[in-house]
């Protein structure tokens, strides 16, 4: 089984930064094919924010390119999302996601609010 626990959300002013973390509990971290962050803003559908594969290939939503960075640290079974120059439109619940043997697993989410 796979369990995901996100942390790092909170209230930040526009232009500020936050780093989200997702701790992955799994028998072997090397069975994880891809890690990703999604978000769901109020009144909107969930969308992919950033994704990193086991090859370290990354992909970003156009709206966050140049501002957000996804990274992983296998030794700590953790995936991060560094968010810089945050905007009000980044306000959302952010969800950690991993893909293992074709199955997607989700965390419960962490709320990020960007407001002055």
C-alpha atoms as a PDB file:
ATOM      1  CA  UNK A   1       0.000   0.000   0.000  1.00  0.00           C
ATOM      2  CA  UNK A   2       0.956   3.627  -0.482  1.00  0.00           C
ATOM      3  CA  UNK A   3       0.236   6.490   1.895  1.00  0.00           C
ATOM      4  CA  UNK A   4       0.899  10.147   1.214  1.00  0.00           C
ATOM      5  CA  UNK A   5       1.007  12.975   3.737  1.00  0.00           C
ATOM      6  CA  UNK A   6       1.316  16.568   2.579  1.00  0.00           C
ATOM      7  CA  UNK A   7       2.561  19.480   4.648  1.00  0.00           C
ATOM      8  CA  UNK A   8       3.717  23.054   4.187  1.00  0.00           C
ATOM      9  CA  UNK A   9       0.542  24.817   3.174  1.00  0.00           C
ATOM     10  CA  UNK A  10      -0.620  28.054   4.716  1.00  0.00           C
ATOM     11  CA  UNK A  11      -1.324  31.712   4.198  1.00  0.00           C
ATOM     12  CA  UNK A  12       1.176  33.767   2.221  1.00  0.00           C
ATOM     13  CA  UNK A  13       1.148  37.227   0.674  1.00  0.00           C
ATOM     14  CA  UNK A  14       1.327  37.719  -3.090  1.00  0.00           C
ATOM     15  CA  UNK A  15       4.937  37.492  -4.215  1.00  0.00           C
ATOM     16  CA  UNK A  16       5.836  35.214  -1.335  1.00  0.00           C
ATOM     17  CA  UNK A  17       7.096  31.644  -1.293  1.00  0.00           C
ATOM     18  CA  UNK A  18       6.107  28.315   0.200  1.00  0.00           C
ATOM     19  CA  UNK A  19       7.518  24.818   0.009  1.00  0.00           C
ATOM     20  CA  UNK A  20       5.165  21.888   0.078  1.00  0.00           C
ATOM     21  CA  UNK A  21       6.355  18.462   1.144  1.00  0.00           C
ATOM     22  CA  UNK A  22       4.831  15.045   0.595  1.00  0.00           C
ATOM     23  CA  UNK A  23       6.064  12.101   2.603  1.00  0.00           C
ATOM     24  CA  UNK A  24       5.548   8.811   0.799  1.00  0.00           C
ATOM     25  CA  UNK A  25       5.074   5.603   2.759  1.00  0.00           C
ATOM     26  CA  UNK A  26       5.662   2.585   0.549  1.00  0.00           C
ATOM     27  CA  UNK A  27       7.453  -0.719   0.815  1.00  0.00           C
ATOM     28  CA  UNK A  28       9.979   0.267  -1.847  1.00  0.00           C
ATOM     29  CA  UNK A  29      10.348   3.835  -3.116  1.00  0.00           C
ATOM     30  CA  UNK A  30      11.838   2.446  -6.306  1.00  0.00           C
ATOM     31  CA  UNK A  31       8.437   1.067  -7.350  1.00  0.00           C
ATOM     32  CA  UNK A  32       7.142   4.636  -7.712  1.00  0.00           C
ATOM     33  CA  UNK A  33       7.088   5.625 -11.409  1.00  0.00           C
ATOM     34  CA  UNK A  34       6.051   9.253 -11.077  1.00  0.00           C
ATOM     35  CA  UNK A  35       5.308  11.845  -8.439  1.00  0.00           C
ATOM     36  CA  UNK A  36       3.126  14.877  -8.987  1.00  0.00           C
ATOM     37  CA  UNK A  37       1.334  17.787  -7.435  1.00  0.00           C
ATOM     38  CA  UNK A  38      -2.200  18.691  -8.404  1.00  0.00           C
ATOM     39  CA  UNK A  39      -4.409  21.474  -7.161  1.00  0.00           C
ATOM     40  CA  UNK A  40      -8.076  22.303  -6.973  1.00  0.00           C
ATOM     41  CA  UNK A  41      -8.979  25.972  -6.765  1.00  0.00           C
ATOM     42  CA  UNK A  42     -12.380  27.071  -5.470  1.00  0.00           C
ATOM     43  CA  UNK A  43     -15.026  26.419  -8.103  1.00  0.00           C
ATOM     44  CA  UNK A  44     -12.577  24.791 -10.501  1.00  0.00           C
ATOM     45  CA  UNK A  45     -11.566  21.300 -11.505  1.00  0.00           C
ATOM     46  CA  UNK A  46      -8.435  19.647 -10.234  1.00  0.00           C
ATOM     47  CA  UNK A  47      -5.437  20.337 -12.450  1.00  0.00           C
ATOM     48  CA  UNK A  48      -1.897  19.059 -12.767  1.00  0.00           C
ATOM     49  CA  UNK A  49       0.653  21.509 -11.401  1.00  0.00           C
ATOM     50  CA  UNK A  50       3.936  19.629 -11.747  1.00  0.00           C
ATOM     51  CA  UNK A  51       5.130  16.085 -12.325  1.00  0.00           C
ATOM     52  CA  UNK A  52       8.464  14.310 -12.020  1.00  0.00           C
ATOM     53  CA  UNK A  53       9.190  10.835 -13.311  1.00  0.00           C
ATOM     54  CA  UNK A  54      11.687   8.333 -11.978  1.00  0.00           C
ATOM     55  CA  UNK A  55      14.008   9.480 -14.781  1.00  0.00           C
ATOM     56  CA  UNK A  56      13.817  12.988 -13.268  1.00  0.00           C
ATOM     57  CA  UNK A  57      11.996  14.260 -16.325  1.00  0.00           C
ATOM     58  CA  UNK A  58       9.663  17.076 -15.245  1.00  0.00           C
ATOM     59  CA  UNK A  59       6.538  18.707 -16.579  1.00  0.00           C
ATOM     60  CA  UNK A  60       4.767  21.861 -15.434  1.00  0.00           C
ATOM     61  CA  UNK A  61       1.491  23.611 -16.025  1.00  0.00           C
ATOM     62  CA  UNK A  62       2.033  26.703 -18.146  1.00  0.00           C
ATOM     63  CA  UNK A  63       0.658  28.880 -15.364  1.00  0.00           C
ATOM     64  CA  UNK A  64       3.459  27.900 -12.950  1.00  0.00           C
ATOM     65  CA  UNK A  65       6.468  27.553 -15.262  1.00  0.00           C
ATOM     66  CA  UNK A  66       9.386  29.583 -14.002  1.00  0.00           C
ATOM     67  CA  UNK A  67       7.821  29.971 -10.554  1.00  0.00           C
ATOM     68  CA  UNK A  68       7.362  26.434  -9.215  1.00  0.00           C
ATOM     69  CA  UNK A  69       9.905  23.635  -8.978  1.00  0.00           C
ATOM     70  CA  UNK A  70       9.190  19.985  -8.240  1.00  0.00           C
ATOM     71  CA  UNK A  71      11.920  17.819  -6.788  1.00  0.00           C
ATOM     72  CA  UNK A  72      12.294  14.491  -5.028  1.00  0.00           C
ATOM     73  CA  UNK A  73      14.553  13.010  -2.429  1.00  0.00           C
ATOM     74  CA  UNK A  74      14.467   9.246  -2.389  1.00  0.00           C
ATOM     75  CA  UNK A  75      16.495   8.957   0.789  1.00  0.00           C
ATOM     76  CA  UNK A  76      13.670  10.701   2.608  1.00  0.00           C
ATOM     77  CA  UNK A  77      10.826   9.289   0.512  1.00  0.00           C
ATOM     78  CA  UNK A  78       9.745  12.852  -0.077  1.00  0.00           C
ATOM     79  CA  UNK A  79       8.645  14.969  -2.991  1.00  0.00           C
ATOM     80  CA  UNK A  80       8.684  18.753  -2.776  1.00  0.00           C
ATOM     81  CA  UNK A  81       7.038  21.649  -4.530  1.00  0.00           C
ATOM     82  CA  UNK A  82       8.880  24.933  -4.196  1.00  0.00           C
ATOM     83  CA  UNK A  83       6.509  27.767  -5.023  1.00  0.00           C
ATOM     84  CA  UNK A  84       7.897  31.251  -5.601  1.00  0.00           C
ATOM     85  CA  UNK A  85       6.299  34.527  -6.624  1.00  0.00           C
ATOM     86  CA  UNK A  86       2.911  33.251  -5.554  1.00  0.00           C
ATOM     87  CA  UNK A  87      -0.188  34.848  -6.992  1.00  0.00           C
ATOM     88  CA  UNK A  88      -3.757  35.004  -5.758  1.00  0.00           C
ATOM     89  CA  UNK A  89      -4.747  32.578  -8.498  1.00  0.00           C
ATOM     90  CA  UNK A  90      -2.463  29.964  -6.928  1.00  0.00           C
ATOM     91  CA  UNK A  91      -4.883  29.705  -4.024  1.00  0.00           C
ATOM     92  CA  UNK A  92      -6.044  26.095  -3.913  1.00  0.00           C
ATOM     93  CA  UNK A  93      -5.866  22.801  -2.122  1.00  0.00           C
ATOM     94  CA  UNK A  94      -2.705  21.070  -3.290  1.00  0.00           C
ATOM     95  CA  UNK A  95      -2.639  17.294  -3.548  1.00  0.00           C
ATOM     96  CA  UNK A  96       0.298  14.962  -3.728  1.00  0.00           C
ATOM     97  CA  UNK A  97      -0.023  12.111  -6.221  1.00  0.00           C
ATOM     98  CA  UNK A  98       2.136   9.120  -7.066  1.00  0.00           C
ATOM     99  CA  UNK A  99       1.821   6.498  -9.757  1.00  0.00           C
ATOM    100  CA  UNK A 100       2.842   2.924  -8.959  1.00  0.00           C
ATOM    101  CA  UNK A 101       2.212   0.008 -11.294  1.00  0.00           C
ATOM    102  CA  UNK A 102      -0.370   2.079 -13.152  1.00  0.00           C
ATOM    103  CA  UNK A 103      -2.315   2.958 -10.015  1.00  0.00           C
ATOM    104  CA  UNK A 104      -2.600   6.531  -8.751  1.00  0.00           C
ATOM    105  CA  UNK A 105      -2.520   7.314  -5.057  1.00  0.00           C
ATOM    106  CA  UNK A 106      -3.558  10.606  -3.466  1.00  0.00           C
ATOM    107  CA  UNK A 107      -2.880  12.525  -0.313  1.00  0.00           C
ATOM    108  CA  UNK A 108      -5.590  14.391   1.551  1.00  0.00           C
ATOM    109  CA  UNK A 109      -4.332  17.784   0.427  1.00  0.00           C
ATOM    110  CA  UNK A 110      -2.912  20.917   1.977  1.00  0.00           C
ATOM    111  CA  UNK A 111      -4.455  24.369   1.617  1.00  0.00           C
ATOM    112  CA  UNK A 112      -2.463  27.235   0.137  1.00  0.00           C
ATOM    113  CA  UNK A 113      -3.998  30.685   0.415  1.00  0.00           C
ATOM    114  CA  UNK A 114      -2.354  33.627  -1.310  1.00  0.00           C
ATOM    115  CA  UNK A 115      -3.781  36.863  -0.023  1.00  0.00           C
ATOM    116  CA  UNK A 116      -2.747  40.226   1.330  1.00  0.00           C
END
